[in-house]
Amino acid sequence: MAPRRTNWRSGKLGTFGGSRPRVLWVDLTGHVDAIRRLQERVESAMNGLGFEREARGWSPHVTLARIRPEMAREAAGAIPRAMSDVETPPGVISVRNVSLMRSTPRPSGAVYERIAAFPLGGG
């Protein structure tokens, strides 16, 4: 049986990092109960391995950009102004699997490596 797809819709733009934004993201809306359950299962499994639970709440999102620390102060005013001028286009994001990624920070930017991929749905 082929894995089933899970569909989410793109929502509003946002940032992480408060007054010095570090991440620009778009939130996911629609059928997010499945991804919330997946996030909880992953966090519980990691907690069982000795990792502390995240103190912050989790929200389903797609990271669009990371802002380098040396650019955060300058971007603090520009990003909210730009976000107010951008309307996220309606669209459905079809997801077939979730990947476990390793992020290795480097001076030139992070390097990402896929560790494993897990199909959604269908056994």
Protein backbone atom coordinates (compact mmCIF):
# COMPACT_ATOMS: atom_id res chain seq x y z
CA MET A 1 0.00 0.00 0.00
CA ALA A 2 1.39 3.40 -0.97
CA PRO A 3 1.73 5.99 1.78
CA ARG A 4 -1.13 8.44 1.81
CA ARG A 5 -0.49 12.12 1.43
CA THR A 6 -1.26 14.66 4.09
CA ASN A 7 -2.38 18.08 2.86
CA TRP A 8 -1.83 21.35 4.66
CA ARG A 9 -2.44 24.90 3.56
CA SER A 10 -0.02 27.77 3.83
CA GLY A 11 -1.12 30.46 6.25
CA LYS A 12 0.37 33.68 7.54
CA LEU A 13 4.00 34.78 7.66
CA GLY A 14 5.82 35.13 10.96
CA THR A 15 9.24 35.29 12.58
CA PHE A 16 11.02 33.64 15.47
CA GLY A 17 13.45 35.69 17.50
CA GLY A 18 11.41 38.58 18.84
CA SER A 19 13.01 41.98 18.30
CA ARG A 20 15.92 40.36 16.44
CA PRO A 21 14.30 37.94 14.01
CA ARG A 22 16.26 34.77 13.32
CA VAL A 23 13.77 32.79 11.24
CA LEU A 24 11.10 33.76 8.70
CA TRP A 25 8.31 31.17 8.42
CA VAL A 26 4.84 30.52 7.06
CA ASP A 27 2.43 28.65 9.30
CA LEU A 28 0.51 25.55 8.27
CA THR A 29 -3.25 25.35 8.58
CA GLY A 30 -5.88 22.79 7.75
CA HIS A 31 -5.49 19.15 8.82
CA VAL A 32 -2.67 19.74 11.31
CA ASP A 33 -3.86 17.27 13.97
CA ALA A 34 -1.75 14.48 12.44
CA ILE A 35 1.44 16.55 12.46
CA ARG A 36 0.74 17.68 16.03
CA ARG A 37 0.42 14.02 17.09
CA LEU A 38 3.65 13.20 15.25
CA GLN A 39 5.46 16.08 16.97
CA GLU A 40 4.24 14.86 20.37
CA ARG A 41 5.37 11.29 19.65
CA VAL A 42 8.81 12.48 18.54
CA GLU A 43 9.17 14.71 21.61
CA SER A 44 8.09 11.88 23.93
CA ALA A 45 10.58 9.49 22.32
CA MET A 46 13.39 12.05 22.62
CA ASN A 47 12.43 12.70 26.25
CA GLY A 48 12.73 8.95 26.84
CA LEU A 49 16.31 9.19 25.52
CA GLY A 50 17.17 11.91 28.04
CA PHE A 51 16.45 15.06 26.01
CA GLU A 52 14.44 17.72 27.86
CA ARG A 53 11.03 18.68 26.53
CA GLU A 54 10.86 22.00 24.74
CA ALA A 55 9.52 24.71 27.07
CA ARG A 56 8.02 26.73 24.21
CA GLY A 57 4.82 25.77 22.48
CA TRP A 58 5.13 24.15 19.06
CA SER A 59 3.41 25.44 15.96
CA PRO A 60 3.39 23.73 12.55
CA HIS A 61 5.33 25.86 10.07
CA VAL A 62 7.69 25.81 7.10
CA THR A 63 10.93 27.75 7.50
CA LEU A 64 11.44 30.08 4.55
CA ALA A 65 14.67 31.82 5.58
CA ARG A 66 17.18 32.12 8.38
CA ILE A 67 18.62 35.50 9.26
CA ARG A 68 22.29 35.63 10.16
CA PRO A 69 22.91 37.03 13.66
CA GLU A 70 24.94 39.96 12.30
CA MET A 71 21.95 40.93 10.10
CA ALA A 72 19.24 40.58 12.77
CA ARG A 73 19.35 44.18 14.04
CA GLU A 74 19.13 45.63 10.53
CA ALA A 75 16.40 43.15 9.56
CA ALA A 76 14.33 43.89 12.68
CA GLY A 77 12.55 46.81 11.02
CA ALA A 78 12.71 45.71 7.40
CA ILE A 79 11.21 42.24 7.81
CA PRO A 80 7.91 43.28 9.47
CA ARG A 81 7.45 46.03 6.86
CA ALA A 82 8.07 43.56 4.04
CA MET A 83 5.77 40.97 5.64
CA SER A 84 2.91 43.48 5.72
CA ASP A 85 3.30 43.92 1.95
CA VAL A 86 3.28 40.20 1.18
CA GLU A 87 0.16 38.09 0.96
CA THR A 88 0.83 34.37 1.06
CA PRO A 89 -0.73 32.77 -1.99
CA PRO A 90 -3.39 30.15 -1.36
CA GLY A 91 -2.02 26.71 -1.88
CA VAL A 92 -1.95 23.17 -0.62
CA ILE A 93 1.27 21.55 0.52
CA SER A 94 1.15 17.83 -0.14
CA VAL A 95 3.47 15.88 2.17
CA ARG A 96 4.39 12.22 1.63
CA ASN A 97 7.11 11.81 4.24
CA VAL A 98 8.92 13.51 7.08
CA SER A 99 12.70 13.66 7.15
CA LEU A 100 15.00 13.66 10.17
CA MET A 101 17.69 16.21 9.39
CA ARG A 102 21.05 17.11 10.88
CA SER A 103 22.00 20.78 10.82
CA THR A 104 25.70 21.59 11.06
CA PRO A 105 26.38 25.31 11.56
CA ARG A 106 29.27 26.70 9.53
CA PRO A 107 30.53 30.28 9.05
CA SER A 108 29.18 30.21 5.49
CA GLY A 109 25.77 28.94 6.67
CA ALA A 110 24.27 25.73 7.95
CA VAL A 111 24.78 22.45 6.10
CA TYR A 112 21.80 20.08 6.19
CA GLU A 113 21.99 16.30 5.90
CA ARG A 114 19.06 13.90 5.74
CA ILE A 115 19.47 11.16 8.33
CA ALA A 116 16.25 9.24 7.62
CA ALA A 117 12.86 9.64 5.93
CA PHE A 118 9.57 8.35 7.33
CA PRO A 119 6.49 7.88 5.12
CA LEU A 120 3.24 9.35 6.40
CA GLY A 121 0.16 7.19 6.73
CA GLY A 122 -0.26 3.85 4.96
CA GLY A 123 1.52 1.01 6.79
